[in-house]
Amino acid sequence: MAAEAAGTNRTSEPPVACSLTPADLAGQRQRWRRLAASADAQRRQTDDGLRIGFRPDAEAERELRALVAVEQDCCGWASWSVEATGERLTLVVTAAGEGVAALHGMFAELG
């Protein structure tokens, strides 16, 4: 607040941080790995985040949506969505600033 009062511009971007405990974070990573292995994940980096495609089946979609729900709560600095077509399930994650590099690193091992 003091910086704002002094006339310094602050960005409105939320801090890039995860609110999961270390144990919960490890569990979440393991779930992502299992989904990627079982649903043929294909990852593509974008300028503002990434897209990860998965084989479309009901079990993969349920798990993907459950994982995204956790990510939306713990990593609100990014925008998380799932696109479902008959051909692929696609996770679309975008962020700004330092969040882009964080996303690229978070999912580097998938696909």
N, C-alpha and C. Protein backbone atom coordinates (compact mmCIF):
# COMPACT_ATOMS: atom_id res chain seq x y z
N MET A 1 0.81 -1.20 0.00
CA MET A 1 0.00 0.00 0.00
C MET A 1 0.85 1.26 0.00
N ALA A 2 1.94 1.24 0.73
CA ALA A 2 2.78 2.43 0.81
C ALA A 2 3.31 2.80 -0.57
N ALA A 3 3.67 1.80 -1.37
CA ALA A 3 4.18 2.08 -2.71
C ALA A 3 3.09 2.70 -3.57
N GLU A 4 1.86 2.23 -3.43
CA GLU A 4 0.77 2.81 -4.20
C GLU A 4 0.53 4.24 -3.79
N ALA A 5 0.59 4.51 -2.50
CA ALA A 5 0.36 5.86 -2.02
C ALA A 5 1.45 6.81 -2.50
N ALA A 6 2.65 6.28 -2.70
CA ALA A 6 3.75 7.10 -3.15
C ALA A 6 3.70 7.33 -4.66
N GLY A 7 2.71 6.73 -5.33
CA GLY A 7 2.55 6.96 -6.76
C GLY A 7 3.21 5.90 -7.63
N THR A 8 3.72 4.85 -7.05
CA THR A 8 4.33 3.78 -7.82
C THR A 8 3.23 2.91 -8.42
N ASN A 9 3.36 2.58 -9.69
CA ASN A 9 2.40 1.67 -10.34
C ASN A 9 2.71 0.25 -9.94
N ARG A 10 1.70 -0.46 -9.52
CA ARG A 10 1.85 -1.89 -9.21
C ARG A 10 1.00 -2.65 -10.22
N THR A 11 1.45 -3.82 -10.59
CA THR A 11 0.65 -4.61 -11.52
C THR A 11 -0.51 -5.23 -10.76
N SER A 12 -1.54 -5.55 -11.50
CA SER A 12 -2.68 -6.20 -10.87
C SER A 12 -2.58 -7.72 -10.98
N GLU A 13 -1.45 -8.22 -11.48
CA GLU A 13 -1.26 -9.66 -11.60
C GLU A 13 -1.07 -10.28 -10.22
N PRO A 14 -1.80 -11.37 -9.94
CA PRO A 14 -1.61 -12.03 -8.65
C PRO A 14 -0.24 -12.68 -8.60
N PRO A 15 0.30 -12.89 -7.40
CA PRO A 15 1.61 -13.55 -7.30
C PRO A 15 1.55 -14.98 -7.81
N VAL A 16 2.64 -15.41 -8.43
CA VAL A 16 2.74 -16.77 -8.95
C VAL A 16 3.19 -17.66 -7.79
N ALA A 17 2.23 -18.34 -7.19
CA ALA A 17 2.50 -19.20 -6.05
C ALA A 17 1.44 -20.28 -5.98
N CYS A 18 1.78 -21.40 -5.38
CA CYS A 18 0.85 -22.51 -5.21
C CYS A 18 0.50 -22.64 -3.74
N SER A 19 -0.78 -22.83 -3.44
CA SER A 19 -1.21 -22.93 -2.05
C SER A 19 -1.29 -24.36 -1.54
N LEU A 20 -0.90 -25.35 -2.35
CA LEU A 20 -0.93 -26.74 -1.89
C LEU A 20 0.20 -27.01 -0.90
N THR A 21 -0.05 -27.92 0.02
CA THR A 21 1.01 -28.37 0.91
C THR A 21 1.98 -29.23 0.09
N PRO A 22 3.20 -29.43 0.57
CA PRO A 22 4.13 -30.29 -0.17
C PRO A 22 3.56 -31.68 -0.46
N ALA A 23 2.86 -32.28 0.49
CA ALA A 23 2.28 -33.61 0.27
C ALA A 23 1.17 -33.55 -0.78
N ASP A 24 0.32 -32.53 -0.71
CA ASP A 24 -0.76 -32.39 -1.69
C ASP A 24 -0.19 -32.11 -3.08
N LEU A 25 0.87 -31.31 -3.15
CA LEU A 25 1.51 -31.00 -4.42
C LEU A 25 2.08 -32.27 -5.05
N ALA A 26 2.72 -33.10 -4.24
CA ALA A 26 3.27 -34.37 -4.74
C ALA A 26 2.15 -35.27 -5.27
N GLY A 27 1.05 -35.33 -4.56
CA GLY A 27 -0.09 -36.14 -5.01
C GLY A 27 -0.67 -35.61 -6.31
N GLN A 28 -0.78 -34.31 -6.42
CA GLN A 28 -1.31 -33.69 -7.64
C GLN A 28 -0.40 -33.98 -8.83
N ARG A 29 0.90 -33.85 -8.62
CA ARG A 29 1.85 -34.16 -9.71
C ARG A 29 1.71 -35.61 -10.16
N GLN A 30 1.57 -36.52 -9.20
CA GLN A 30 1.42 -37.94 -9.55
C GLN A 30 0.15 -38.18 -10.35
N ARG A 31 -0.92 -37.53 -9.97
CA ARG A 31 -2.18 -37.66 -10.73
C ARG A 31 -2.01 -37.15 -12.16
N TRP A 32 -1.33 -36.01 -12.33
CA TRP A 32 -1.07 -35.49 -13.68
C TRP A 32 -0.26 -36.49 -14.49
N ARG A 33 0.76 -37.07 -13.88
CA ARG A 33 1.60 -38.05 -14.59
C ARG A 33 0.79 -39.26 -15.03
N ARG A 34 -0.05 -39.78 -14.13
CA ARG A 34 -0.88 -40.95 -14.47
C ARG A 34 -1.83 -40.62 -15.62
N LEU A 35 -2.47 -39.45 -15.55
CA LEU A 35 -3.39 -39.07 -16.62
C LEU A 35 -2.64 -38.93 -17.95
N ALA A 36 -1.49 -38.28 -17.92
CA ALA A 36 -0.72 -38.09 -19.15
C ALA A 36 -0.33 -39.42 -19.76
N ALA A 37 0.08 -40.37 -18.93
CA ALA A 37 0.50 -41.69 -19.43
C ALA A 37 -0.68 -42.49 -19.96
N SER A 38 -1.81 -42.42 -19.29
CA SER A 38 -2.94 -43.25 -19.69
C SER A 38 -3.77 -42.64 -20.81
N ALA A 39 -3.68 -41.34 -21.00
CA ALA A 39 -4.55 -40.68 -22.00
C ALA A 39 -3.76 -40.03 -23.12
N ASP A 40 -2.53 -40.51 -23.36
CA ASP A 40 -1.75 -40.09 -24.51
C ASP A 40 -1.62 -38.56 -24.59
N ALA A 41 -1.06 -37.94 -23.56
CA ALA A 41 -0.93 -36.48 -23.50
C ALA A 41 0.02 -35.97 -24.57
N GLN A 42 -0.37 -34.85 -25.18
CA GLN A 42 0.47 -34.16 -26.15
C GLN A 42 0.48 -32.68 -25.78
N ARG A 43 1.64 -32.18 -25.38
CA ARG A 43 1.78 -30.83 -24.84
C ARG A 43 2.36 -29.88 -25.88
N ARG A 44 1.78 -28.67 -25.92
CA ARG A 44 2.29 -27.63 -26.81
C ARG A 44 2.34 -26.32 -26.04
N GLN A 45 3.52 -25.72 -25.98
CA GLN A 45 3.66 -24.42 -25.34
C GLN A 45 3.09 -23.34 -26.24
N THR A 46 2.50 -22.32 -25.63
CA THR A 46 2.00 -21.15 -26.35
C THR A 46 2.67 -19.92 -25.75
N ASP A 47 2.50 -18.79 -26.38
CA ASP A 47 3.11 -17.56 -25.88
C ASP A 47 2.58 -17.16 -24.51
N ASP A 48 1.34 -17.55 -24.21
CA ASP A 48 0.76 -17.17 -22.92
C ASP A 48 0.46 -18.36 -22.01
N GLY A 49 1.02 -19.52 -22.32
CA GLY A 49 0.78 -20.69 -21.47
C GLY A 49 1.03 -21.98 -22.20
N LEU A 50 -0.01 -22.83 -22.23
CA LEU A 50 0.13 -24.10 -22.94
C LEU A 50 -1.21 -24.75 -23.21
N ARG A 51 -1.15 -25.72 -24.10
CA ARG A 51 -2.29 -26.57 -24.43
C ARG A 51 -1.80 -28.00 -24.32
N ILE A 52 -2.58 -28.82 -23.63
CA ILE A 52 -2.25 -30.24 -23.52
C ILE A 52 -3.46 -31.03 -23.97
N GLY A 53 -3.26 -31.84 -25.01
CA GLY A 53 -4.34 -32.67 -25.54
C GLY A 53 -4.28 -34.06 -24.93
N PHE A 54 -5.47 -34.64 -24.74
CA PHE A 54 -5.60 -35.99 -24.18
C PHE A 54 -6.59 -36.78 -25.02
N ARG A 55 -6.42 -38.10 -25.02
CA ARG A 55 -7.37 -38.98 -25.69
C ARG A 55 -8.73 -38.80 -25.02
N PRO A 56 -9.78 -38.65 -25.80
CA PRO A 56 -11.10 -38.37 -25.21
C PRO A 56 -11.83 -39.63 -24.76
N ASP A 57 -11.85 -39.85 -23.47
CA ASP A 57 -12.73 -40.89 -22.94
C ASP A 57 -13.28 -40.36 -21.62
N ALA A 58 -14.35 -40.97 -21.16
CA ALA A 58 -15.07 -40.44 -19.99
C ALA A 58 -14.20 -40.42 -18.74
N GLU A 59 -13.41 -41.45 -18.52
CA GLU A 59 -12.57 -41.50 -17.32
C GLU A 59 -11.50 -40.42 -17.36
N ALA A 60 -10.85 -40.24 -18.51
CA ALA A 60 -9.83 -39.19 -18.65
C ALA A 60 -10.45 -37.81 -18.46
N GLU A 61 -11.64 -37.61 -19.00
CA GLU A 61 -12.28 -36.30 -18.84
C GLU A 61 -12.63 -36.02 -17.38
N ARG A 62 -13.14 -37.02 -16.67
CA ARG A 62 -13.44 -36.83 -15.24
C ARG A 62 -12.19 -36.46 -14.46
N GLU A 63 -11.10 -37.19 -14.69
CA GLU A 63 -9.86 -36.92 -13.97
C GLU A 63 -9.30 -35.55 -14.37
N LEU A 64 -9.32 -35.22 -15.64
CA LEU A 64 -8.82 -33.92 -16.08
C LEU A 64 -9.60 -32.79 -15.42
N ARG A 65 -10.91 -32.90 -15.40
CA ARG A 65 -11.73 -31.84 -14.78
C ARG A 65 -11.49 -31.76 -13.26
N ALA A 66 -11.26 -32.90 -12.62
CA ALA A 66 -10.97 -32.90 -11.18
C ALA A 66 -9.61 -32.24 -10.92
N LEU A 67 -8.62 -32.55 -11.74
CA LEU A 67 -7.30 -31.93 -11.59
C LEU A 67 -7.37 -30.42 -11.82
N VAL A 68 -8.11 -30.02 -12.82
CA VAL A 68 -8.26 -28.58 -13.12
C VAL A 68 -8.95 -27.87 -11.97
N ALA A 69 -9.93 -28.50 -11.33
CA ALA A 69 -10.61 -27.88 -10.19
C ALA A 69 -9.62 -27.59 -9.07
N VAL A 70 -8.71 -28.53 -8.81
CA VAL A 70 -7.69 -28.31 -7.78
C VAL A 70 -6.77 -27.16 -8.20
N GLU A 71 -6.34 -27.18 -9.46
CA GLU A 71 -5.42 -26.14 -9.94
C GLU A 71 -6.07 -24.75 -9.88
N GLN A 72 -7.34 -24.66 -10.19
CA GLN A 72 -8.02 -23.37 -10.13
C GLN A 72 -8.01 -22.81 -8.72
N ASP A 73 -8.12 -23.69 -7.73
CA ASP A 73 -8.10 -23.25 -6.33
C ASP A 73 -6.70 -22.89 -5.85
N CYS A 74 -5.70 -23.68 -6.23
CA CYS A 74 -4.36 -23.47 -5.68
C CYS A 74 -3.50 -22.54 -6.52
N CYS A 75 -3.80 -22.41 -7.78
CA CYS A 75 -2.99 -21.59 -8.69
C CYS A 75 -3.89 -20.63 -9.46
N GLY A 76 -4.55 -19.76 -8.71
CA GLY A 76 -5.51 -18.82 -9.30
C GLY A 76 -4.88 -17.75 -10.17
N TRP A 77 -3.58 -17.68 -10.21
CA TRP A 77 -2.88 -16.72 -11.05
C TRP A 77 -2.94 -17.11 -12.53
N ALA A 78 -3.40 -18.32 -12.82
CA ALA A 78 -3.53 -18.80 -14.19
C ALA A 78 -5.00 -19.05 -14.49
N SER A 79 -5.32 -19.04 -15.76
CA SER A 79 -6.68 -19.35 -16.22
C SER A 79 -6.68 -20.78 -16.75
N TRP A 80 -7.58 -21.62 -16.23
CA TRP A 80 -7.62 -23.05 -16.54
C TRP A 80 -8.95 -23.39 -17.20
N SER A 81 -8.92 -24.07 -18.35
CA SER A 81 -10.16 -24.52 -18.97
C SER A 81 -9.94 -25.83 -19.70
N VAL A 82 -11.04 -26.54 -19.91
CA VAL A 82 -11.02 -27.81 -20.64
C VAL A 82 -11.94 -27.69 -21.83
N GLU A 83 -11.42 -28.02 -23.00
CA GLU A 83 -12.21 -28.05 -24.22
C GLU A 83 -12.40 -29.52 -24.60
N ALA A 84 -13.64 -29.93 -24.79
CA ALA A 84 -13.91 -31.32 -25.13
C ALA A 84 -14.53 -31.38 -26.53
N THR A 85 -13.85 -32.09 -27.42
CA THR A 85 -14.39 -32.37 -28.75
C THR A 85 -14.38 -33.88 -28.89
N GLY A 86 -14.94 -34.38 -29.96
CA GLY A 86 -14.93 -35.82 -30.18
C GLY A 86 -13.54 -36.37 -30.42
N GLU A 87 -12.63 -35.51 -30.87
CA GLU A 87 -11.29 -35.95 -31.23
C GLU A 87 -10.28 -35.87 -30.10
N ARG A 88 -10.36 -34.86 -29.24
CA ARG A 88 -9.40 -34.67 -28.16
C ARG A 88 -10.05 -33.93 -27.00
N LEU A 89 -9.52 -34.16 -25.82
CA LEU A 89 -9.76 -33.31 -24.66
C LEU A 89 -8.56 -32.38 -24.62
N THR A 90 -8.79 -31.11 -24.45
CA THR A 90 -7.67 -30.18 -24.43
C THR A 90 -7.72 -29.31 -23.19
N LEU A 91 -6.63 -29.33 -22.44
CA LEU A 91 -6.44 -28.42 -21.32
C LEU A 91 -5.80 -27.17 -21.89
N VAL A 92 -6.41 -26.03 -21.63
CA VAL A 92 -5.86 -24.74 -22.05
C VAL A 92 -5.57 -23.96 -20.78
N VAL A 93 -4.30 -23.60 -20.60
CA VAL A 93 -3.89 -22.84 -19.42
C VAL A 93 -3.14 -21.60 -19.90
N THR A 94 -3.56 -20.45 -19.40
CA THR A 94 -2.90 -19.20 -19.77
C THR A 94 -2.57 -18.40 -18.52
N ALA A 95 -1.57 -17.55 -18.67
CA ALA A 95 -1.15 -16.68 -17.57
C ALA A 95 -0.48 -15.46 -18.19
N ALA A 96 -0.07 -14.56 -17.33
CA ALA A 96 0.65 -13.36 -17.77
C ALA A 96 1.98 -13.29 -17.03
N GLY A 97 2.88 -12.52 -17.57
CA GLY A 97 4.16 -12.27 -16.91
C GLY A 97 4.90 -13.54 -16.54
N GLU A 98 5.34 -13.61 -15.28
CA GLU A 98 6.11 -14.75 -14.79
C GLU A 98 5.31 -16.04 -14.77
N GLY A 99 4.00 -15.94 -14.82
CA GLY A 99 3.15 -17.12 -14.81
C GLY A 99 3.34 -18.01 -16.03
N VAL A 100 3.69 -17.42 -17.17
CA VAL A 100 3.88 -18.22 -18.39
C VAL A 100 5.04 -19.19 -18.21
N ALA A 101 6.17 -18.69 -17.74
CA ALA A 101 7.33 -19.56 -17.52
C ALA A 101 7.02 -20.60 -16.44
N ALA A 102 6.26 -20.21 -15.43
CA ALA A 102 5.88 -21.17 -14.38
C ALA A 102 5.06 -22.30 -14.96
N LEU A 103 4.10 -21.99 -15.82
CA LEU A 103 3.28 -23.02 -16.46
C LEU A 103 4.14 -23.94 -17.32
N HIS A 104 5.02 -23.35 -18.11
CA HIS A 104 5.88 -24.17 -18.97
C HIS A 104 6.69 -25.15 -18.12
N GLY A 105 7.19 -24.69 -16.97
CA GLY A 105 7.96 -25.56 -16.08
C GLY A 105 7.13 -26.60 -15.38
N MET A 106 5.92 -26.20 -14.95
CA MET A 106 5.04 -27.12 -14.22
C MET A 106 4.71 -28.37 -15.02
N PHE A 107 4.55 -28.20 -16.32
CA PHE A 107 4.09 -29.31 -17.16
C PHE A 107 5.14 -29.77 -18.15
N ALA A 108 6.39 -29.45 -17.92
CA ALA A 108 7.47 -29.79 -18.85
C ALA A 108 7.58 -31.30 -19.10
N GLU A 109 7.27 -32.10 -18.08
CA GLU A 109 7.45 -33.54 -18.22
C GLU A 109 6.26 -34.24 -18.87
N LEU A 110 5.17 -33.52 -19.11
CA LEU A 110 4.00 -34.13 -19.72
C LEU A 110 4.04 -33.98 -21.23
N GLY A 111 3.75 -35.06 -21.93
CA GLY A 111 3.63 -35.02 -23.39
C GLY A 111 4.90 -34.67 -24.03
